[in-house]
Protein backbone atom coordinates (compact mmCIF):
# COMPACT_ATOMS: atom_id res chain seq x y z
CA UNK A 1 0.00 0.00 0.00
CA UNK A 2 1.16 3.55 -0.77
CA UNK A 3 0.32 6.58 1.38
CA UNK A 4 0.45 10.31 0.83
CA UNK A 5 0.16 13.06 3.40
CA UNK A 6 -0.86 16.55 2.34
CA UNK A 7 -0.10 19.38 4.77
CA UNK A 8 -1.92 22.71 4.51
CA UNK A 9 -3.57 25.36 6.65
CA UNK A 10 -7.17 25.24 7.84
CA UNK A 11 -9.18 26.94 10.55
CA UNK A 12 -10.63 24.38 12.96
CA UNK A 13 -14.09 25.90 12.41
CA UNK A 14 -13.93 24.66 8.78
CA UNK A 15 -13.49 20.99 9.69
CA UNK A 16 -17.18 20.10 9.50
CA UNK A 17 -17.62 21.65 6.04
CA UNK A 18 -14.43 20.03 4.71
CA UNK A 19 -15.61 16.65 6.04
CA UNK A 20 -18.99 17.18 4.37
CA UNK A 21 -17.33 17.93 1.02
CA UNK A 22 -15.22 14.78 1.22
CA UNK A 23 -18.21 12.71 2.31
CA UNK A 24 -19.94 13.63 -0.95
CA UNK A 25 -16.79 13.10 -3.03
CA UNK A 26 -16.05 9.72 -1.46
CA UNK A 27 -19.62 8.56 -2.12
CA UNK A 28 -18.87 8.68 -5.87
CA UNK A 29 -16.67 6.25 -7.80
CA UNK A 30 -13.78 8.75 -7.72
CA UNK A 31 -11.91 7.09 -4.82
CA UNK A 32 -12.04 3.79 -6.72
CA UNK A 33 -10.87 5.48 -9.92
CA UNK A 34 -7.88 6.91 -8.06
CA UNK A 35 -7.18 3.65 -6.19
CA UNK A 36 -7.90 5.23 -2.80
CA UNK A 37 -8.35 2.66 -0.04
CA UNK A 38 -8.63 5.05 2.89
CA UNK A 39 -8.75 8.78 3.54
CA UNK A 40 -8.27 10.40 6.93
CA UNK A 41 -8.36 14.11 7.70
CA UNK A 42 -6.71 15.64 10.76
CA UNK A 43 -6.32 19.13 12.14
CA UNK A 44 -3.84 20.49 14.64
CA UNK A 45 -3.30 24.12 15.65
CA UNK A 46 -4.36 25.61 12.32
CA UNK A 47 -2.84 22.84 10.21
CA UNK A 48 -4.68 20.38 7.98
CA UNK A 49 -3.38 16.86 7.36
CA UNK A 50 -4.88 14.72 4.60
CA UNK A 51 -3.71 11.10 4.79
CA UNK A 52 -4.63 8.99 1.80
CA UNK A 53 -3.80 5.30 1.33
CA UNK A 54 -3.73 3.75 -2.13
CA UNK A 55 -4.00 0.19 -3.38
CA UNK A 56 -0.72 0.42 -5.29
CA UNK A 57 2.44 2.49 -5.49
CA UNK A 58 1.10 4.47 -8.47
CA UNK A 59 -1.38 6.48 -6.40
CA UNK A 60 0.14 9.82 -7.39
CA UNK A 61 -0.04 8.86 -11.07
CA UNK A 62 -3.71 7.89 -10.76
CA UNK A 63 -4.51 11.21 -9.08
CA UNK A 64 -2.79 13.02 -11.94
CA UNK A 65 -5.00 11.12 -14.38
CA UNK A 66 -8.13 11.97 -12.38
CA UNK A 67 -7.37 15.70 -12.03
CA UNK A 68 -9.32 16.57 -15.18
CA UNK A 69 -12.47 14.78 -14.03
CA UNK A 70 -15.19 17.39 -13.31
CA UNK A 71 -15.78 15.90 -9.83
CA UNK A 72 -12.10 16.32 -8.95
CA UNK A 73 -12.09 19.86 -10.32
CA UNK A 74 -15.27 20.67 -8.36
CA UNK A 75 -14.01 19.43 -4.98
CA UNK A 76 -10.74 21.27 -5.52
CA UNK A 77 -12.70 24.49 -6.11
CA UNK A 78 -15.09 23.81 -3.22
CA UNK A 79 -12.18 23.32 -0.79
CA UNK A 80 -10.40 26.58 -1.70
CA UNK A 81 -12.26 28.76 0.84
CA UNK A 82 -11.30 26.35 3.63
CA UNK A 83 -7.84 24.94 2.79
CA UNK A 84 -4.87 27.22 2.16
CA UNK A 85 -1.38 26.24 1.03
CA UNK A 86 1.09 25.79 3.86
CA UNK A 87 3.52 28.03 1.96
CA UNK A 88 1.69 30.01 -0.74
CA UNK A 89 4.96 31.34 -2.18
CA UNK A 90 6.13 27.86 -3.22
CA UNK A 91 2.82 26.12 -3.95
CA UNK A 92 2.19 25.24 -7.60
CA UNK A 93 0.36 21.91 -7.32
CA UNK A 94 -0.77 19.39 -4.65
CA UNK A 95 2.65 17.73 -4.97
CA UNK A 96 4.13 20.85 -3.32
CA UNK A 97 2.05 20.16 -0.22
CA UNK A 98 2.95 16.47 0.20
CA UNK A 99 5.09 15.52 3.15
CA UNK A 100 8.07 13.29 2.45
CA UNK A 101 8.15 10.06 4.44
CA UNK A 102 11.58 9.47 5.94
CA UNK A 103 10.83 6.41 8.10
CA UNK A 104 8.40 3.51 7.94
CA UNK A 105 7.81 0.48 10.10
CA UNK A 106 5.14 -2.18 9.73
CA UNK A 107 4.31 -5.36 11.58
CA UNK A 108 3.39 -6.95 8.25
PDB file of N, CA and C in Angstrom:
ATOM      1  N   UNK A   1       0.844  -1.173   0.000  1.00  0.00           N
ATOM      2  CA  UNK A   1       0.000   0.000   0.000  1.00  0.00           C
ATOM      3  C   UNK A   1       0.894   1.242   0.000  1.00  0.00           C
ATOM      4  N   UNK A   2       0.448   2.270  -0.676  1.00  0.00           N
ATOM      5  CA  UNK A   2       1.163   3.548  -0.772  1.00  0.00           C
ATOM      6  C   UNK A   2       0.345   4.621  -0.063  1.00  0.00           C
ATOM      7  N   UNK A   3       1.005   5.501   0.663  1.00  0.00           N
ATOM      8  CA  UNK A   3       0.318   6.578   1.381  1.00  0.00           C
ATOM      9  C   UNK A   3       0.881   7.921   0.975  1.00  0.00           C
ATOM     10  N   UNK A   4       0.004   8.934   0.987  1.00  0.00           N
ATOM     11  CA  UNK A   4       0.447  10.314   0.825  1.00  0.00           C
ATOM     12  C   UNK A   4      -0.120  11.124   1.980  1.00  0.00           C
ATOM     13  N   UNK A   5       0.601  12.169   2.343  1.00  0.00           N
ATOM     14  CA  UNK A   5       0.160  13.058   3.405  1.00  0.00           C
ATOM     15  C   UNK A   5       0.299  14.484   2.906  1.00  0.00           C
ATOM     16  N   UNK A   6      -0.838  15.150   2.761  1.00  0.00           N
ATOM     17  CA  UNK A   6      -0.860  16.547   2.343  1.00  0.00           C
ATOM     18  C   UNK A   6      -0.946  17.413   3.596  1.00  0.00           C
ATOM     19  N   UNK A   7      -0.118  18.444   3.652  1.00  0.00           N
ATOM     20  CA  UNK A   7      -0.100  19.378   4.769  1.00  0.00           C
ATOM     21  C   UNK A   7      -0.496  20.750   4.245  1.00  0.00           C
ATOM     22  N   UNK A   8      -1.458  21.376   4.903  1.00  0.00           N
ATOM     23  CA  UNK A   8      -1.915  22.708   4.505  1.00  0.00           C
ATOM     24  C   UNK A   8      -2.384  23.439   5.755  1.00  0.00           C
ATOM     25  N   UNK A   9      -3.028  24.566   5.537  1.00  0.00           N
ATOM     26  CA  UNK A   9      -3.566  25.358   6.651  1.00  0.00           C
ATOM     27  C   UNK A   9      -5.094  25.342   6.588  1.00  0.00           C
ATOM     28  N   UNK A  10      -5.718  25.258   7.762  1.00  0.00           N
ATOM     29  CA  UNK A  10      -7.170  25.242   7.837  1.00  0.00           C
ATOM     30  C   UNK A  10      -7.601  25.705   9.224  1.00  0.00           C
ATOM     31  N   UNK A  11      -8.591  26.555   9.268  1.00  0.00           N
ATOM     32  CA  UNK A  11      -9.184  26.944  10.545  1.00  0.00           C
ATOM     33  C   UNK A  11      -9.997  25.776  11.078  1.00  0.00           C
ATOM     34  N   UNK A  12      -9.909  25.493  12.349  1.00  0.00           N
ATOM     35  CA  UNK A  12     -10.633  24.380  12.957  1.00  0.00           C
ATOM     36  C   UNK A  12     -12.138  24.494  12.704  1.00  0.00           C
ATOM     37  N   UNK A  13     -12.648  25.697  12.625  1.00  0.00           N
ATOM     38  CA  UNK A  13     -14.086  25.899  12.406  1.00  0.00           C
ATOM     39  C   UNK A  13     -14.535  25.400  11.032  1.00  0.00           C
ATOM     40  N   UNK A  14     -13.599  25.145  10.126  1.00  0.00           N
ATOM     41  CA  UNK A  14     -13.929  24.659   8.782  1.00  0.00           C
ATOM     42  C   UNK A  14     -13.996  23.144   8.701  1.00  0.00           C
ATOM     43  N   UNK A  15     -13.604  22.446   9.743  1.00  0.00           N
ATOM     44  CA  UNK A  15     -13.492  20.986   9.694  1.00  0.00           C
ATOM     45  C   UNK A  15     -14.794  20.304   9.284  1.00  0.00           C
ATOM     46  N   UNK A  16     -15.903  20.747   9.818  1.00  0.00           N
ATOM     47  CA  UNK A  16     -17.181  20.102   9.505  1.00  0.00           C
ATOM     48  C   UNK A  16     -17.531  20.246   8.020  1.00  0.00           C
ATOM     49  N   UNK A  17     -17.311  21.423   7.460  1.00  0.00           N
ATOM     50  CA  UNK A  17     -17.621  21.645   6.044  1.00  0.00           C
ATOM     51  C   UNK A  17     -16.666  20.856   5.143  1.00  0.00           C
ATOM     52  N   UNK A  18     -15.403  20.810   5.494  1.00  0.00           N
ATOM     53  CA  UNK A  18     -14.431  20.035   4.713  1.00  0.00           C
ATOM     54  C   UNK A  18     -14.811  18.552   4.754  1.00  0.00           C
ATOM     55  N   UNK A  19     -15.178  18.050   5.920  1.00  0.00           N
ATOM     56  CA  UNK A  19     -15.606  16.649   6.039  1.00  0.00           C
ATOM     57  C   UNK A  19     -16.855  16.399   5.191  1.00  0.00           C
ATOM     58  N   UNK A  20     -17.771  17.336   5.176  1.00  0.00           N
ATOM     59  CA  UNK A  20     -18.986  17.182   4.369  1.00  0.00           C
ATOM     60  C   UNK A  20     -18.640  17.103   2.877  1.00  0.00           C
ATOM     61  N   UNK A  21     -17.728  17.951   2.429  1.00  0.00           N
ATOM     62  CA  UNK A  21     -17.331  17.927   1.019  1.00  0.00           C
ATOM     63  C   UNK A  21     -16.698  16.584   0.654  1.00  0.00           C
ATOM     64  N   UNK A  22     -15.833  16.074   1.509  1.00  0.00           N
ATOM     65  CA  UNK A  22     -15.216  14.783   1.216  1.00  0.00           C
ATOM     66  C   UNK A  22     -16.200  13.631   1.343  1.00  0.00           C
ATOM     67  N   UNK A  23     -17.189  13.740   2.216  1.00  0.00           N
ATOM     68  CA  UNK A  23     -18.207  12.707   2.307  1.00  0.00           C
ATOM     69  C   UNK A  23     -18.927  12.552   0.974  1.00  0.00           C
ATOM     70  N   UNK A  24     -19.293  13.672   0.361  1.00  0.00           N
ATOM     71  CA  UNK A  24     -19.941  13.626  -0.948  1.00  0.00           C
ATOM     72  C   UNK A  24     -19.026  13.100  -2.031  1.00  0.00           C
ATOM     73  N   UNK A  25     -17.773  13.534  -2.034  1.00  0.00           N
ATOM     74  CA  UNK A  25     -16.794  13.096  -3.034  1.00  0.00           C
ATOM     75  C   UNK A  25     -16.530  11.598  -2.910  1.00  0.00           C
ATOM     76  N   UNK A  26     -16.363  11.131  -1.675  1.00  0.00           N
ATOM     77  CA  UNK A  26     -16.046   9.722  -1.459  1.00  0.00           C
ATOM     78  C   UNK A  26     -17.235   8.804  -1.708  1.00  0.00           C
ATOM     79  N   UNK A  27     -18.425   9.365  -1.799  1.00  0.00           N
ATOM     80  CA  UNK A  27     -19.616   8.559  -2.116  1.00  0.00           C
ATOM     81  C   UNK A  27     -19.714   8.279  -3.617  1.00  0.00           C
ATOM     82  N   UNK A  28     -18.885   8.925  -4.425  1.00  0.00           N
ATOM     83  CA  UNK A  28     -18.865   8.684  -5.873  1.00  0.00           C
ATOM     84  C   UNK A  28     -17.859   7.572  -6.163  1.00  0.00           C
ATOM     85  N   UNK A  29     -17.662   7.268  -7.435  1.00  0.00           N
ATOM     86  CA  UNK A  29     -16.665   6.255  -7.797  1.00  0.00           C
ATOM     87  C   UNK A  29     -15.252   6.831  -7.888  1.00  0.00           C
ATOM     88  N   UNK A  30     -15.094   8.123  -7.605  1.00  0.00           N
ATOM     89  CA  UNK A  30     -13.784   8.750  -7.720  1.00  0.00           C
ATOM     90  C   UNK A  30     -12.704   8.085  -6.855  1.00  0.00           C
ATOM     91  N   UNK A  31     -12.974   7.753  -5.591  1.00  0.00           N
ATOM     92  CA  UNK A  31     -11.909   7.086  -4.823  1.00  0.00           C
ATOM     93  C   UNK A  31     -11.451   5.778  -5.489  1.00  0.00           C
ATOM     94  N   UNK A  32     -12.391   5.041  -6.045  1.00  0.00           N
ATOM     95  CA  UNK A  32     -12.036   3.788  -6.723  1.00  0.00           C
ATOM     96  C   UNK A  32     -11.227   4.074  -7.980  1.00  0.00           C
ATOM     97  N   UNK A  33     -11.601   5.110  -8.706  1.00  0.00           N
ATOM     98  CA  UNK A  33     -10.867   5.481  -9.920  1.00  0.00           C
ATOM     99  C   UNK A  33      -9.416   5.838  -9.588  1.00  0.00           C
ATOM    100  N   UNK A  34      -9.221   6.496  -8.452  1.00  0.00           N
ATOM    101  CA  UNK A  34      -7.882   6.911  -8.057  1.00  0.00           C
ATOM    102  C   UNK A  34      -7.129   5.807  -7.301  1.00  0.00           C
ATOM    103  N   UNK A  35      -7.823   4.731  -6.949  1.00  0.00           N
ATOM    104  CA  UNK A  35      -7.181   3.654  -6.189  1.00  0.00           C
ATOM    105  C   UNK A  35      -7.105   3.934  -4.703  1.00  0.00           C
ATOM    106  N   UNK A  36      -7.911   4.862  -4.222  1.00  0.00           N
ATOM    107  CA  UNK A  36      -7.902   5.227  -2.804  1.00  0.00           C
ATOM    108  C   UNK A  36      -8.539   4.122  -1.975  1.00  0.00           C
ATOM    109  N   UNK A  37      -7.827   3.672  -0.964  1.00  0.00           N
ATOM    110  CA  UNK A  37      -8.348   2.662  -0.042  1.00  0.00           C
ATOM    111  C   UNK A  37      -8.863   3.291   1.247  1.00  0.00           C
ATOM    112  N   UNK A  38      -8.233   4.405   1.638  1.00  0.00           N
ATOM    113  CA  UNK A  38      -8.631   5.050   2.889  1.00  0.00           C
ATOM    114  C   UNK A  38      -8.221   6.512   2.840  1.00  0.00           C
ATOM    115  N   UNK A  39      -9.057   7.353   3.414  1.00  0.00           N
ATOM    116  CA  UNK A  39      -8.751   8.779   3.539  1.00  0.00           C
ATOM    117  C   UNK A  39      -9.020   9.160   5.000  1.00  0.00           C
ATOM    118  N   UNK A  40      -8.084   9.885   5.589  1.00  0.00           N
ATOM    119  CA  UNK A  40      -8.269  10.396   6.934  1.00  0.00           C
ATOM    120  C   UNK A  40      -7.838  11.857   6.947  1.00  0.00           C
ATOM    121  N   UNK A  41      -8.645  12.685   7.593  1.00  0.00           N
ATOM    122  CA  UNK A  41      -8.364  14.115   7.701  1.00  0.00           C
ATOM    123  C   UNK A  41      -8.119  14.454   9.168  1.00  0.00           C
ATOM    124  N   UNK A  42      -7.072  15.237   9.404  1.00  0.00           N
ATOM    125  CA  UNK A  42      -6.712  15.638  10.758  1.00  0.00           C
ATOM    126  C   UNK A  42      -6.488  17.144  10.787  1.00  0.00           C
ATOM    127  N   UNK A  43      -6.684  17.728  11.953  1.00  0.00           N
ATOM    128  CA  UNK A  43      -6.315  19.130  12.136  1.00  0.00           C
ATOM    129  C   UNK A  43      -5.542  19.254  13.437  1.00  0.00           C
ATOM    130  N   UNK A  44      -4.628  20.232  13.456  1.00  0.00           N
ATOM    131  CA  UNK A  44      -3.835  20.491  14.645  1.00  0.00           C
ATOM    132  C   UNK A  44      -3.321  21.923  14.578  1.00  0.00           C
ATOM    133  N   UNK A  45      -3.761  22.741  15.501  1.00  0.00           N
ATOM    134  CA  UNK A  45      -3.296  24.123  15.650  1.00  0.00           C
ATOM    135  C   UNK A  45      -3.203  24.874  14.316  1.00  0.00           C
ATOM    136  N   UNK A  46      -4.302  24.861  13.576  1.00  0.00           N
ATOM    137  CA  UNK A  46      -4.360  25.607  12.324  1.00  0.00           C
ATOM    138  C   UNK A  46      -3.788  24.875  11.126  1.00  0.00           C
ATOM    139  N   UNK A  47      -3.354  23.638  11.321  1.00  0.00           N
ATOM    140  CA  UNK A  47      -2.838  22.844  10.213  1.00  0.00           C
ATOM    141  C   UNK A  47      -3.849  21.765   9.825  1.00  0.00           C
ATOM    142  N   UNK A  48      -3.803  21.386   8.587  1.00  0.00           N
ATOM    143  CA  UNK A  48      -4.679  20.375   7.985  1.00  0.00           C
ATOM    144  C   UNK A  48      -3.784  19.258   7.471  1.00  0.00           C
ATOM    145  N   UNK A  49      -4.121  18.028   7.816  1.00  0.00           N
ATOM    146  CA  UNK A  49      -3.382  16.856   7.363  1.00  0.00           C
ATOM    147  C   UNK A  49      -4.352  15.925   6.654  1.00  0.00           C
ATOM    148  N   UNK A  50      -4.021  15.563   5.437  1.00  0.00           N
ATOM    149  CA  UNK A  50      -4.880  14.723   4.604  1.00  0.00           C
ATOM    150  C   UNK A  50      -4.087  13.460   4.271  1.00  0.00           C
ATOM    151  N   UNK A  51      -4.382  12.382   4.983  1.00  0.00           N
ATOM    152  CA  UNK A  51      -3.711  11.102   4.788  1.00  0.00           C
ATOM    153  C   UNK A  51      -4.546  10.252   3.847  1.00  0.00           C
ATOM    154  N   UNK A  52      -3.915   9.789   2.794  1.00  0.00           N
ATOM    155  CA  UNK A  52      -4.627   8.986   1.799  1.00  0.00           C
ATOM    156  C   UNK A  52      -3.802   7.736   1.513  1.00  0.00           C
ATOM    157  N   UNK A  53      -4.443   6.572   1.625  1.00  0.00           N
ATOM    158  CA  UNK A  53      -3.796   5.301   1.330  1.00  0.00           C
ATOM    159  C   UNK A  53      -4.317   4.782   0.001  1.00  0.00           C
ATOM    160  N   UNK A  54      -3.406   4.239  -0.790  1.00  0.00           N
ATOM    161  CA  UNK A  54      -3.728   3.746  -2.126  1.00  0.00           C
ATOM    162  C   UNK A  54      -3.453   2.256  -2.231  1.00  0.00           C
ATOM    163  N   UNK A  55      -4.166   1.617  -3.151  1.00  0.00           N
ATOM    164  CA  UNK A  55      -4.001   0.189  -3.384  1.00  0.00           C
ATOM    165  C   UNK A  55      -2.588  -0.145  -3.834  1.00  0.00           C
ATOM    166  N   UNK A  56      -2.015   0.710  -4.681  1.00  0.00           N
ATOM    167  CA  UNK A  56      -0.724   0.421  -5.294  1.00  0.00           C
ATOM    168  C   UNK A  56       0.190   1.631  -5.189  1.00  0.00           C
ATOM    169  N   UNK A  57       1.425   1.428  -5.543  1.00  0.00           N
ATOM    170  CA  UNK A  57       2.436   2.490  -5.486  1.00  0.00           C
ATOM    171  C   UNK A  57       2.178   3.630  -6.465  1.00  0.00           C
ATOM    172  N   UNK A  58       1.317   3.429  -7.455  1.00  0.00           N
ATOM    173  CA  UNK A  58       1.102   4.465  -8.474  1.00  0.00           C
ATOM    174  C   UNK A  58      -0.042   5.405  -8.111  1.00  0.00           C
ATOM    175  N   UNK A  59      -0.298   5.611  -6.830  1.00  0.00           N
ATOM    176  CA  UNK A  59      -1.384   6.480  -6.398  1.00  0.00           C
ATOM    177  C   UNK A  59      -1.264   7.894  -6.933  1.00  0.00           C
ATOM    178  N   UNK A  60      -0.060   8.456  -6.892  1.00  0.00           N
ATOM    179  CA  UNK A  60       0.137   9.824  -7.387  1.00  0.00           C
ATOM    180  C   UNK A  60      -0.156   9.909  -8.883  1.00  0.00           C
ATOM    181  N   UNK A  61       0.230   8.880  -9.625  1.00  0.00           N
ATOM    182  CA  UNK A  61      -0.043   8.859 -11.070  1.00  0.00           C
ATOM    183  C   UNK A  61      -1.545   8.810 -11.329  1.00  0.00           C
ATOM    184  N   UNK A  62      -2.265   8.005 -10.554  1.00  0.00           N
ATOM    185  CA  UNK A  62      -3.707   7.894 -10.757  1.00  0.00           C
ATOM    186  C   UNK A  62      -4.423   9.188 -10.393  1.00  0.00           C
ATOM    187  N   UNK A  63      -3.920   9.908  -9.410  1.00  0.00           N
ATOM    188  CA  UNK A  63      -4.505  11.208  -9.077  1.00  0.00           C
ATOM    189  C   UNK A  63      -4.269  12.170 -10.235  1.00  0.00           C
ATOM    190  N   UNK A  64      -3.073  12.160 -10.789  1.00  0.00           N
ATOM    191  CA  UNK A  64      -2.786  13.025 -11.942  1.00  0.00           C
ATOM    192  C   UNK A  64      -3.763  12.751 -13.076  1.00  0.00           C
ATOM    193  N   UNK A  65      -4.059  11.488 -13.323  1.00  0.00           N
ATOM    194  CA  UNK A  65      -4.998  11.117 -14.382  1.00  0.00           C
ATOM    195  C   UNK A  65      -6.411  11.593 -14.067  1.00  0.00           C
ATOM    196  N   UNK A  66      -6.770  11.605 -12.786  1.00  0.00           N
ATOM    197  CA  UNK A  66      -8.132  11.967 -12.378  1.00  0.00           C
ATOM    198  C   UNK A  66      -8.333  13.474 -12.262  1.00  0.00           C
ATOM    199  N   UNK A  67      -7.260  14.263 -12.271  1.00  0.00           N
ATOM    200  CA  UNK A  67      -7.367  15.703 -12.028  1.00  0.00           C
ATOM    201  C   UNK A  67      -8.252  16.447 -13.020  1.00  0.00           C
ATOM    202  N   UNK A  68      -8.468  15.887 -14.194  1.00  0.00           N
ATOM    203  CA  UNK A  68      -9.316  16.569 -15.176  1.00  0.00           C
ATOM    204  C   UNK A  68     -10.784  16.175 -15.053  1.00  0.00           C
ATOM    205  N   UNK A  69     -11.077  15.192 -14.224  1.00  0.00           N
ATOM    206  CA  UNK A  69     -12.471  14.778 -14.027  1.00  0.00           C
ATOM    207  C   UNK A  69     -13.239  15.933 -13.379  1.00  0.00           C
ATOM    208  N   UNK A  70     -14.426  16.264 -13.874  1.00  0.00           N
ATOM    209  CA  UNK A  70     -15.192  17.387 -13.313  1.00  0.00           C
ATOM    210  C   UNK A  70     -15.435  17.280 -11.809  1.00  0.00           C
ATOM    211  N   UNK A  71     -15.567  16.072 -11.281  1.00  0.00           N
ATOM    212  CA  UNK A  71     -15.778  15.904  -9.833  1.00  0.00           C
ATOM    213  C   UNK A  71     -14.526  16.279  -9.050  1.00  0.00           C
ATOM    214  N   UNK A  72     -13.368  15.956  -9.587  1.00  0.00           N
ATOM    215  CA  UNK A  72     -12.098  16.323  -8.945  1.00  0.00           C
ATOM    216  C   UNK A  72     -11.920  17.837  -8.998  1.00  0.00           C
ATOM    217  N   UNK A  73     -12.194  18.414 -10.152  1.00  0.00           N
ATOM    218  CA  UNK A  73     -12.089  19.865 -10.318  1.00  0.00           C
ATOM    219  C   UNK A  73     -13.040  20.567  -9.355  1.00  0.00           C
ATOM    220  N   UNK A  74     -14.269  20.047  -9.227  1.00  0.00           N
ATOM    221  CA  UNK A  74     -15.275  20.666  -8.360  1.00  0.00           C
ATOM    222  C   UNK A  74     -14.859  20.629  -6.888  1.00  0.00           C
ATOM    223  N   UNK A  75     -14.383  19.472  -6.405  1.00  0.00           N
ATOM    224  CA  UNK A  75     -14.013  19.434  -4.976  1.00  0.00           C
ATOM    225  C   UNK A  75     -12.799  20.314  -4.726  1.00  0.00           C
ATOM    226  N   UNK A  76     -11.896  20.382  -5.680  1.00  0.00           N
ATOM    227  CA  UNK A  76     -10.739  21.273  -5.524  1.00  0.00           C
ATOM    228  C   UNK A  76     -11.193  22.716  -5.379  1.00  0.00           C
ATOM    229  N   UNK A  77     -12.155  23.125  -6.197  1.00  0.00           N
ATOM    230  CA  UNK A  77     -12.698  24.486  -6.111  1.00  0.00           C
ATOM    231  C   UNK A  77     -13.472  24.692  -4.812  1.00  0.00           C
ATOM    232  N   UNK A  78     -14.276  23.703  -4.435  1.00  0.00           N
ATOM    233  CA  UNK A  78     -15.089  23.813  -3.222  1.00  0.00           C
ATOM    234  C   UNK A  78     -14.243  23.902  -1.953  1.00  0.00           C
ATOM    235  N   UNK A  79     -13.039  23.307  -1.965  1.00  0.00           N
ATOM    236  CA  UNK A  79     -12.177  23.319  -0.791  1.00  0.00           C
ATOM    237  C   UNK A  79     -11.378  24.619  -0.647  1.00  0.00           C
ATOM    238  N   UNK A  80     -11.246  25.377  -1.724  1.00  0.00           N
ATOM    239  CA  UNK A  80     -10.404  26.581  -1.701  1.00  0.00           C
ATOM    240  C   UNK A  80     -10.730  27.572  -0.584  1.00  0.00           C
ATOM    241  N   UNK A  81     -11.999  27.802  -0.258  1.00  0.00           N
ATOM    242  CA  UNK A  81     -12.258  28.757   0.841  1.00  0.00           C
ATOM    243  C   UNK A  81     -11.812  28.244   2.216  1.00  0.00           C
ATOM    244  N   UNK A  82     -11.577  26.944   2.328  1.00  0.00           N
ATOM    245  CA  UNK A  82     -11.297  26.346   3.635  1.00  0.00           C
ATOM    246  C   UNK A  82      -9.845  25.894   3.812  1.00  0.00           C
ATOM    247  N   UNK A  83      -9.190  25.487   2.734  1.00  0.00           N
ATOM    248  CA  UNK A  83      -7.836  24.937   2.791  1.00  0.00           C
ATOM    249  C   UNK A  83      -6.890  25.898   2.069  1.00  0.00           C
ATOM    250  N   UNK A  84      -5.852  26.329   2.760  1.00  0.00           N
ATOM    251  CA  UNK A  84      -4.866  27.218   2.158  1.00  0.00           C
ATOM    252  C   UNK A  84      -3.512  26.509   2.125  1.00  0.00           C
ATOM    253  N   UNK A  85      -2.719  26.822   1.144  1.00  0.00           N
ATOM    254  CA  UNK A  85      -1.381  26.238   1.031  1.00  0.00           C
ATOM    255  C   UNK A  85      -0.577  26.536   2.290  1.00  0.00           C
ATOM    256  N   UNK A  86       0.218  25.588   2.699  1.00  0.00           N
ATOM    257  CA  UNK A  86       1.087  25.791   3.855  1.00  0.00           C
ATOM    258  C   UNK A  86       2.049  26.948   3.577  1.00  0.00           C
ATOM    259  N   UNK A  87       2.621  26.951   2.375  1.00  0.00           N
ATOM    260  CA  UNK A  87       3.520  28.029   1.961  1.00  0.00           C
ATOM    261  C   UNK A  87       3.068  28.522   0.587  1.00  0.00           C
ATOM    262  N   UNK A  88       2.225  29.536   0.533  1.00  0.00           N
ATOM    263  CA  UNK A  88       1.687  30.014  -0.744  1.00  0.00           C
ATOM    264  C   UNK A  88       2.750  30.470  -1.744  1.00  0.00           C
ATOM    265  N   UNK A  89       3.925  30.852  -1.257  1.00  0.00           N
ATOM    266  CA  UNK A  89       4.960  31.338  -2.179  1.00  0.00           C
ATOM    267  C   UNK A  89       5.595  30.215  -2.986  1.00  0.00           C
ATOM    268  N   UNK A  90       5.514  28.979  -2.503  1.00  0.00           N
ATOM    269  CA  UNK A  90       6.134  27.862  -3.219  1.00  0.00           C
ATOM    270  C   UNK A  90       5.120  26.893  -3.809  1.00  0.00           C
ATOM    271  N   UNK A  91       3.834  27.070  -3.501  1.00  0.00           N
ATOM    272  CA  UNK A  91       2.816  26.117  -3.953  1.00  0.00           C
ATOM    273  C   UNK A  91       2.467  26.318  -5.420  1.00  0.00           C
ATOM    274  N   UNK A  92       2.586  25.246  -6.191  1.00  0.00           N
ATOM    275  CA  UNK A  92       2.188  25.243  -7.598  1.00  0.00           C
ATOM    276  C   UNK A  92       1.190  24.127  -7.895  1.00  0.00           C
ATOM    277  N   UNK A  93       1.257  23.040  -7.120  1.00  0.00           N
ATOM    278  CA  UNK A  93       0.360  21.906  -7.316  1.00  0.00           C
ATOM    279  C   UNK A  93       0.269  21.127  -6.007  1.00  0.00           C
ATOM    280  N   UNK A  94      -0.674  20.184  -5.885  1.00  0.00           N
ATOM    281  CA  UNK A  94      -0.765  19.394  -4.647  1.00  0.00           C
ATOM    282  C   UNK A  94       0.553  18.697  -4.278  1.00  0.00           C
ATOM    283  N   UNK A  95       1.374  18.381  -5.269  1.00  0.00           N
ATOM    284  CA  UNK A  95       2.654  17.733  -4.973  1.00  0.00           C
ATOM    285  C   UNK A  95       3.524  18.614  -4.075  1.00  0.00           C
ATOM    286  N   UNK A  96       3.352  19.933  -4.147  1.00  0.00           N
ATOM    287  CA  UNK A  96       4.134  20.849  -3.325  1.00  0.00           C
ATOM    288  C   UNK A  96       3.683  20.850  -1.867  1.00  0.00           C
ATOM    289  N   UNK A  97       2.571  20.210  -1.578  1.00  0.00           N
ATOM    290  CA  UNK A  97       2.048  20.159  -0.216  1.00  0.00           C
ATOM    291  C   UNK A  97       2.206  18.778   0.411  1.00  0.00           C
ATOM    292  N   UNK A  98       2.828  17.839  -0.308  1.00  0.00           N
ATOM    293  CA  UNK A  98       2.950  16.473   0.197  1.00  0.00           C
ATOM    294  C   UNK A  98       4.201  16.322   1.055  1.00  0.00           C
ATOM    295  N   UNK A  99       3.970  15.800   2.245  1.00  0.00           N
ATOM    296  CA  UNK A  99       5.087  15.521   3.146  1.00  0.00           C
ATOM    297  C   UNK A  99       5.898  14.352   2.584  1.00  0.00           C
ATOM    298  N   UNK A 100       7.174  14.360   2.893  1.00  0.00           N
ATOM    299  CA  UNK A 100       8.066  13.285   2.450  1.00  0.00           C
ATOM    300  C   UNK A 100       8.298  12.326   3.607  1.00  0.00           C
ATOM    301  N   UNK A 101       7.933  11.066   3.387  1.00  0.00           N
ATOM    302  CA  UNK A 101       8.154  10.062   4.439  1.00  0.00           C
ATOM    303  C   UNK A 101       9.654   9.778   4.538  1.00  0.00           C
ATOM    304  N   UNK A 102      10.166   9.772   5.753  1.00  0.00           N
ATOM    305  CA  UNK A 102      11.575   9.466   5.943  1.00  0.00           C
ATOM    306  C   UNK A 102      11.800   8.261   6.827  1.00  0.00           C
ATOM    307  N   UNK A 103      10.709   7.641   7.318  1.00  0.00           N
ATOM    308  CA  UNK A 103      10.827   6.415   8.102  1.00  0.00           C
ATOM    309  C   UNK A 103       9.523   5.666   8.026  1.00  0.00           C
ATOM    310  N   UNK A 104       9.603   4.352   7.976  1.00  0.00           N
ATOM    311  CA  UNK A 104       8.403   3.512   7.943  1.00  0.00           C
ATOM    312  C   UNK A 104       8.704   2.215   8.671  1.00  0.00           C
ATOM    313  N   UNK A 105       7.750   1.772   9.461  1.00  0.00           N
ATOM    314  CA  UNK A 105       7.811   0.475  10.105  1.00  0.00           C
ATOM    315  C   UNK A 105       6.447  -0.160   9.994  1.00  0.00           C
ATOM    316  N   UNK A 106       6.408  -1.452   9.805  1.00  0.00           N
ATOM    317  CA  UNK A 106       5.143  -2.175   9.725  1.00  0.00           C
ATOM    318  C   UNK A 106       5.310  -3.554  10.335  1.00  0.00           C
ATOM    319  N   UNK A 107       4.284  -4.017  11.010  1.00  0.00           N
ATOM    320  CA  UNK A 107       4.306  -5.363  11.581  1.00  0.00           C
ATOM    321  C   UNK A 107       4.094  -6.422  10.524  1.00  0.00           C
ATOM    322  N   UNK A 108       3.692  -5.995   9.340  1.00  0.00           N
ATOM    323  CA  UNK A 108       3.394  -6.953   8.255  1.00  0.00           C
ATOM    324  C   UNK A 108       4.652  -7.502   7.638  1.00  0.00           C
TER     325      UNK A 108
END
